Protein backbone atom coordinates (compact mmCIF):
# COMPACT_ATOMS: atom_id res chain seq x y z
CA UNK A 1 -25.30 31.85 -87.58
CA UNK A 2 -28.16 32.56 -85.18
CA UNK A 3 -28.46 28.90 -84.24
CA UNK A 4 -24.75 28.81 -83.42
CA UNK A 5 -25.17 31.87 -81.19
CA UNK A 6 -27.96 30.16 -79.28
CA UNK A 7 -26.08 26.84 -79.12
CA UNK A 8 -22.98 28.47 -77.64
CA UNK A 9 -25.09 30.69 -75.35
CA UNK A 10 -26.95 27.69 -73.95
CA UNK A 11 -23.72 25.70 -73.63
CA UNK A 12 -22.00 28.52 -71.73
CA UNK A 13 -25.02 28.93 -69.46
CA UNK A 14 -24.93 25.22 -68.57
CA UNK A 15 -21.15 25.21 -68.11
CA UNK A 16 -21.47 28.27 -65.86
CA UNK A 17 -24.13 26.52 -63.76
CA UNK A 18 -22.02 23.38 -63.56
CA UNK A 19 -19.03 25.49 -62.53
CA UNK A 20 -21.10 27.20 -59.83
CA UNK A 21 -22.51 24.00 -58.37
CA UNK A 22 -19.21 22.12 -58.38
CA UNK A 23 -17.24 25.11 -57.10
CA UNK A 24 -19.75 25.58 -54.29
CA UNK A 25 -19.41 21.90 -53.36
CA UNK A 26 -15.63 22.04 -53.44
CA UNK A 27 -15.47 25.22 -51.40
CA UNK A 28 -17.95 23.96 -48.81
CA UNK A 29 -15.95 20.75 -48.37
CA UNK A 30 -12.67 22.72 -48.43
CA UNK A 31 -11.41 20.64 -51.35
CA UNK A 32 -10.54 23.59 -53.59
CA UNK A 33 -9.90 27.32 -53.43
CA UNK A 34 -11.72 29.91 -55.55
CA UNK A 35 -9.19 31.48 -57.90
CA UNK A 36 -11.38 34.44 -58.89
CA UNK A 37 -10.97 37.05 -56.12
CA UNK A 38 -14.37 38.62 -56.80
CA UNK A 39 -16.22 35.30 -56.62
CA UNK A 40 -14.13 34.31 -53.59
CA UNK A 41 -15.30 37.47 -51.82
CA UNK A 42 -18.94 36.79 -52.80
CA UNK A 43 -18.68 33.20 -51.56
CA UNK A 44 -17.20 34.43 -48.27
CA UNK A 45 -20.24 36.68 -47.84
CA UNK A 46 -22.77 33.92 -48.49
CA UNK A 47 -22.56 30.68 -50.51
CA UNK A 48 -26.21 31.08 -51.55
CA UNK A 49 -25.39 34.52 -52.96
CA UNK A 50 -22.56 32.90 -54.92
CA UNK A 51 -24.93 30.34 -56.45
CA UNK A 52 -27.62 32.94 -57.05
CA UNK A 53 -25.14 35.10 -58.93
CA UNK A 54 -24.06 32.15 -61.08
CA UNK A 55 -27.73 31.45 -61.91
CA UNK A 56 -28.32 35.11 -62.78
CA UNK A 57 -25.22 35.18 -64.99
CA UNK A 58 -26.44 32.07 -66.82
CA UNK A 59 -29.83 33.66 -67.40
CA UNK A 60 -28.15 36.86 -68.56
CA UNK A 61 -26.03 35.05 -71.15
CA UNK A 62 -29.17 33.34 -72.46
CA UNK A 63 -31.05 36.64 -72.65
CA UNK A 64 -28.20 38.52 -74.35
CA UNK A 65 -27.58 35.68 -76.80
CA UNK A 66 -31.24 35.60 -77.77
CA UNK A 67 -31.33 39.39 -78.10
CA UNK A 68 -28.23 39.40 -80.34
CA UNK A 69 -29.69 36.54 -82.38
CA UNK A 70 -32.98 38.35 -82.99
CA UNK A 71 -31.97 42.03 -83.10
CA UNK A 72 -28.39 42.44 -84.30
CA UNK A 73 -26.82 42.87 -87.69
CA UNK A 74 -24.65 40.14 -89.16
CA UNK A 75 -21.36 41.89 -88.40
CA UNK A 76 -22.15 42.17 -84.69
CA UNK A 77 -23.49 38.59 -84.63
CA UNK A 78 -20.14 37.38 -86.01
CA UNK A 79 -18.24 39.37 -83.40
CA UNK A 80 -20.51 38.11 -80.62
CA UNK A 81 -20.20 34.51 -81.82
CA UNK A 82 -16.41 34.85 -81.86
CA UNK A 83 -16.57 36.07 -78.24
CA UNK A 84 -18.88 33.21 -77.27
CA UNK A 85 -16.46 30.66 -78.71
CA UNK A 86 -13.65 32.13 -76.61
CA UNK A 87 -15.75 32.09 -73.43
CA UNK A 88 -16.88 28.55 -74.21
CA UNK A 89 -13.26 27.40 -74.49
CA UNK A 90 -12.39 28.99 -71.14
CA UNK A 91 -15.40 27.45 -69.37
CA UNK A 92 -14.76 24.08 -71.01
CA UNK A 93 -11.23 24.16 -69.58
CA UNK A 94 -12.46 25.18 -66.13
CA UNK A 95 -15.11 22.46 -66.11
CA UNK A 96 -12.53 19.91 -67.27
CA UNK A 97 -10.42 20.80 -64.23
CA UNK A 98 -13.49 20.36 -62.02
CA UNK A 99 -14.17 16.94 -63.54
CA UNK A 100 -10.55 15.97 -62.93
CA UNK A 101 -10.57 16.82 -59.23
CA UNK A 102 -14.01 15.26 -58.82
CA UNK A 103 -12.61 12.03 -60.30
CA UNK A 104 -9.98 12.02 -57.54
CA UNK A 105 -12.58 11.91 -54.75
């Protein structure tokens, strides 16, 4: 189960980075609008802050996933893995939308 936690953690971190880079590109070129009001506000303050936050969030998910993998009991690992699968599905959908609009360029 620990390997699955790390696999999903790494996958989510990469999908989050991809989302950040592509969203930044789309927002800079005015091709898309940010749907998350918090991230839209952060982007309006400074696009570099937006990307920096996405990088920090990716590193955080890696750190937390590793910590859960090495320090948690099986019950919590199962619950955490279930949560990771849900987040992965959401990010996979978001990144699929990004790939779609990028294919239209």
